Amino acid sequence: MKVGDIARISVNILKMQPRRAPSIYDYNLRDTKPVSLSLFSYLFAELIFYLNCRDESKSLQQKLNEVGFPIGQRVLELCAFKRKQPRFIKIESILLFIQNEIWKLLFGDKADEVDKSLEDMDEYRIYDSRAIINRYLATKGEQMNCGDFIAGIIQGILYAADFPAKVDTSIIEEEIKGETVRKVVYIIKFEHQVIKRDESIK
C-alpha cells in the first residue's frame, strides 16, 4: 500500500468520526444575547416554587444560596477561560471584579458600589439598587428578598478564587430624589486566613 493511499484512508476515517457538539466554552461571552426579563422572572419563580416544595428542614434562603453556589464556581471558571483572567491576590481586586465584570455579565450593568465595614475588618459589602432578582416576586402582600441566590453565586466565586467567605443579604431603603429606593446589600465576611494573607501583601 502506497503512502498516498494511507493518507486518503486516514482522511476518510476522520470524516466518519462524529463531530463534537459545541460546549458553552466555545461561545464568545461578549456576543451572547441577553435573556428577556419576562423569561428570567418566569424561570426564577418556578425555581422558588420548586424549592418551596422540597426539603422543609432548610429555609428558602439557605436553599437559594446552595443553588447559587455552584453557579458562581462555573461563572468564574468560564470568565477565566474566555478572558484569560489572571489569578486574584488582593481582596479589593476580586471584589471589584465581581462588582464590574461579573455584574455586567449577569445583569448587563455593574453593581452600585463596594465598601468596607468600619466596625469589622473582615467584612465588605456590595450594594445593588437594581436587583432584578426581587422583581415581580411577592408573598402575602410583602416583597420577598431572594438575594440569597446571588449571595450564593458570590460565595461560589470567592471560594473558587481561594477567598473563602460567608455571604449574607439585607435590604435597606434610601431616599433618592424624593423616591424610596430599596437596595440589596450583600454582606461578605471573609475567613481569618484571607484577611491575614491580604494584610501581608503590599
Protein backbone atom coordinates (compact mmCIF):
# COMPACT_ATOMS: atom_id res chain seq x y z
CA MET A 1 0.00 0.00 0.00
CA LYS A 2 1.36 3.38 -1.00
CA VAL A 3 1.78 6.37 1.29
CA GLY A 4 -0.87 8.29 -0.65
CA ASP A 5 -3.41 5.52 -0.11
CA ILE A 6 -2.75 5.51 3.64
CA ALA A 7 -3.25 9.28 3.77
CA ARG A 8 -6.58 9.05 1.90
CA ILE A 9 -7.81 6.27 4.22
CA SER A 10 -6.86 8.33 7.29
CA VAL A 11 -8.74 11.36 5.97
CA ASN A 12 -11.84 9.26 5.28
CA ILE A 13 -11.73 7.78 8.80
CA LEU A 14 -11.54 11.26 10.31
CA LYS A 15 -14.53 12.39 8.23
CA MET A 16 -16.55 9.43 9.50
CA GLN A 17 -15.99 10.36 13.16
CA PRO A 18 -18.89 12.29 14.76
CA ARG A 19 -18.21 15.95 15.42
CA ARG A 20 -18.07 17.11 19.00
CA ALA A 21 -21.09 19.18 19.97
CA PRO A 22 -20.10 22.76 20.86
CA SER A 23 -19.95 23.46 24.59
CA ILE A 24 -20.51 26.72 26.43
CA TYR A 25 -16.76 27.32 26.35
CA ASP A 26 -16.86 27.61 22.54
CA TYR A 27 -19.01 30.73 22.59
CA ASN A 28 -17.85 34.31 22.97
CA LEU A 29 -19.10 35.82 26.23
CA ARG A 30 -19.38 39.29 24.70
CA ASP A 31 -21.54 38.04 21.82
CA THR A 32 -24.14 36.25 23.93
CA LYS A 33 -27.68 37.58 23.69
CA PRO A 34 -29.34 38.78 26.91
CA VAL A 35 -32.24 36.76 28.28
CA SER A 36 -35.52 38.68 28.44
CA LEU A 37 -36.63 39.83 31.88
CA SER A 38 -40.00 38.10 31.49
CA LEU A 39 -38.35 34.75 30.75
CA PHE A 40 -35.92 35.10 33.63
CA SER A 41 -38.73 36.07 36.03
CA TYR A 42 -40.81 33.07 34.96
CA LEU A 43 -37.94 30.60 35.37
CA PHE A 44 -36.89 32.07 38.70
CA ALA A 45 -40.47 31.96 40.00
CA GLU A 46 -40.59 28.27 39.02
CA LEU A 47 -37.32 27.72 40.90
CA ILE A 48 -38.82 29.35 44.01
CA PHE A 49 -41.90 27.12 43.74
CA TYR A 50 -39.73 24.02 43.30
CA LEU A 51 -37.51 24.83 46.29
CA ASN A 52 -40.54 25.53 48.49
CA CYS A 53 -41.90 22.07 47.76
CA ARG A 54 -38.84 20.12 48.86
CA ASP A 55 -36.62 19.67 51.93
CA GLU A 56 -38.62 21.59 54.53
CA SER A 57 -35.76 21.23 57.03
CA LYS A 58 -33.97 24.14 55.30
CA SER A 59 -35.13 27.72 54.85
CA LEU A 60 -35.77 29.12 51.39
CA GLN A 61 -32.80 31.47 51.81
CA GLN A 62 -30.46 28.58 52.56
CA LYS A 63 -31.72 26.58 49.58
CA LEU A 64 -31.31 29.57 47.25
CA ASN A 65 -27.76 30.04 48.49
CA GLU A 66 -26.96 26.37 47.81
CA VAL A 67 -28.36 26.63 44.27
CA GLY A 68 -26.31 29.76 43.53
CA PHE A 69 -23.00 28.44 44.92
CA PRO A 70 -22.06 26.02 42.07
CA ILE A 71 -23.24 28.59 39.52
CA GLY A 72 -20.70 31.05 40.93
CA GLN A 73 -17.92 28.50 40.61
CA ARG A 74 -18.78 27.88 36.94
CA VAL A 75 -19.11 31.61 36.20
CA LEU A 76 -15.59 32.27 37.47
CA GLU A 77 -14.26 29.27 35.56
CA LEU A 78 -15.92 30.50 32.37
CA CYS A 79 -14.60 34.06 32.77
CA ALA A 80 -11.09 32.81 33.47
CA PHE A 81 -11.20 30.55 30.41
CA LYS A 82 -12.59 33.12 27.96
CA ARG A 83 -10.94 36.32 29.21
CA LYS A 84 -7.58 34.97 30.36
CA GLN A 85 -8.23 36.47 33.78
CA PRO A 86 -5.09 36.46 35.97
CA ARG A 87 -5.22 34.96 39.45
CA PHE A 88 -6.56 37.36 42.06
CA ILE A 89 -4.33 38.16 45.03
CA LYS A 90 -5.97 41.04 46.90
CA ILE A 91 -9.48 41.20 48.33
CA GLU A 92 -10.07 44.54 46.64
CA SER A 93 -9.26 43.14 43.21
CA ILE A 94 -11.67 40.18 43.43
CA LEU A 95 -14.49 42.39 44.79
CA LEU A 96 -14.04 44.99 42.03
CA PHE A 97 -14.05 42.15 39.51
CA ILE A 98 -17.38 40.93 40.91
CA GLN A 99 -18.81 44.46 41.02
CA ASN A 100 -17.89 45.20 37.41
CA GLU A 101 -17.24 42.15 35.23
CA ILE A 102 -19.48 39.59 36.94
CA TRP A 103 -22.40 42.01 37.40
CA LYS A 104 -22.16 43.13 33.76
CA LEU A 105 -22.06 39.51 32.61
CA LEU A 106 -25.09 38.50 34.69
CA PHE A 107 -27.19 41.68 34.74
CA GLY A 108 -25.84 43.95 32.00
CA ASP A 109 -24.59 46.67 34.35
CA LYS A 110 -22.20 46.98 37.27
CA ALA A 111 -23.26 46.97 40.92
CA ASP A 112 -23.64 50.34 42.65
CA GLU A 113 -20.64 50.23 44.97
CA VAL A 114 -18.33 48.19 47.16
CA ASP A 115 -17.24 49.32 50.60
CA LYS A 116 -15.50 48.02 53.69
CA SER A 117 -17.09 47.89 57.12
CA LEU A 118 -15.69 50.37 59.64
CA GLU A 119 -16.56 48.10 62.56
CA ASP A 120 -15.40 44.68 61.29
CA MET A 121 -12.10 44.40 59.44
CA ASP A 122 -13.16 41.16 57.76
CA GLU A 123 -16.48 42.47 56.40
CA TYR A 124 -17.18 44.04 52.99
CA ARG A 125 -20.42 44.98 51.25
CA ILE A 126 -21.70 45.13 47.68
CA TYR A 127 -24.75 47.34 47.03
CA ASP A 128 -27.27 46.84 44.23
CA SER A 129 -30.28 49.14 43.80
CA ARG A 130 -31.45 47.50 40.55
CA ALA A 131 -31.75 43.93 41.80
CA ILE A 132 -33.91 42.17 39.21
CA ILE A 133 -33.81 39.09 41.43
CA ASN A 134 -36.56 40.59 43.61
CA ARG A 135 -38.81 41.93 40.85
CA TYR A 136 -42.31 40.54 40.44
CA LEU A 137 -41.94 38.29 43.49
CA ALA A 138 -44.33 38.82 46.39
CA THR A 139 -45.75 36.74 49.21
CA LYS A 140 -48.75 37.68 51.33
CA GLY A 141 -48.56 41.27 50.13
CA GLU A 142 -44.90 41.72 51.09
CA GLN A 143 -41.94 41.67 48.76
CA MET A 144 -39.55 38.75 49.20
CA ASN A 145 -35.80 39.03 49.39
CA CYS A 146 -34.35 36.37 47.12
CA GLY A 147 -30.90 37.95 47.13
CA ASP A 148 -29.52 34.79 48.75
CA PHE A 149 -29.44 33.26 45.27
CA ILE A 150 -26.97 35.95 44.17
CA ALA A 151 -25.21 35.68 47.54
CA GLY A 152 -24.62 32.01 46.75
CA ILE A 153 -23.17 32.95 43.35
CA ILE A 154 -20.83 35.47 45.00
CA GLN A 155 -19.80 32.92 47.62
CA GLY A 156 -19.11 30.32 44.92
CA ILE A 157 -16.91 32.79 43.02
CA LEU A 158 -14.97 33.67 46.17
CA TYR A 159 -14.38 30.04 47.14
CA ALA A 160 -13.29 29.15 43.61
CA ALA A 161 -10.85 32.10 43.66
CA ASP A 162 -9.43 30.98 47.06
CA PHE A 163 -11.14 33.75 49.05
CA PRO A 164 -13.43 31.70 51.32
CA ALA A 165 -16.17 33.83 52.85
CA LYS A 166 -19.74 33.76 54.12
CA VAL A 167 -22.17 35.93 52.15
CA ASP A 168 -25.47 37.13 53.61
CA THR A 169 -28.03 39.62 52.34
CA SER A 170 -30.01 42.51 53.71
CA ILE A 171 -32.34 45.17 52.29
CA ILE A 172 -32.02 48.85 53.09
CA GLU A 173 -34.19 51.75 51.99
CA GLU A 174 -32.80 55.13 50.95
CA GLU A 175 -34.43 58.36 49.85
CA ILE A 176 -33.06 59.37 46.43
CA LYS A 177 -34.57 62.41 44.70
CA GLY A 178 -37.75 62.09 46.74
CA GLU A 179 -38.21 58.40 45.97
CA THR A 180 -37.68 55.43 48.26
CA VAL A 181 -35.13 53.07 46.73
CA ARG A 182 -34.71 49.52 48.05
CA LYS A 183 -31.12 48.32 47.87
CA VAL A 184 -29.96 44.76 48.30
CA VAL A 185 -26.77 44.63 50.36
CA TYR A 186 -24.51 41.59 50.01
CA ILE A 187 -22.57 41.29 53.25
CA ILE A 188 -19.29 39.42 52.71
CA LYS A 189 -17.43 38.16 55.77
CA PHE A 190 -14.04 36.68 54.87
CA GLU A 191 -12.36 33.94 56.83
CA HIS A 192 -9.48 34.92 59.09
CA GLN A 193 -6.71 33.47 56.91
CA VAL A 194 -7.91 35.54 53.95
CA ILE A 195 -7.61 38.76 55.94
CA LYS A 196 -4.16 37.79 57.24
CA ARG A 197 -2.98 36.97 53.71
CA ASP A 198 -4.33 40.25 52.37
CA GLU A 199 -2.54 42.23 55.08
CA SER A 200 0.76 40.51 54.30
CA ILE A 201 0.60 41.51 50.60
CA LYS A 202 1.76 45.03 49.83
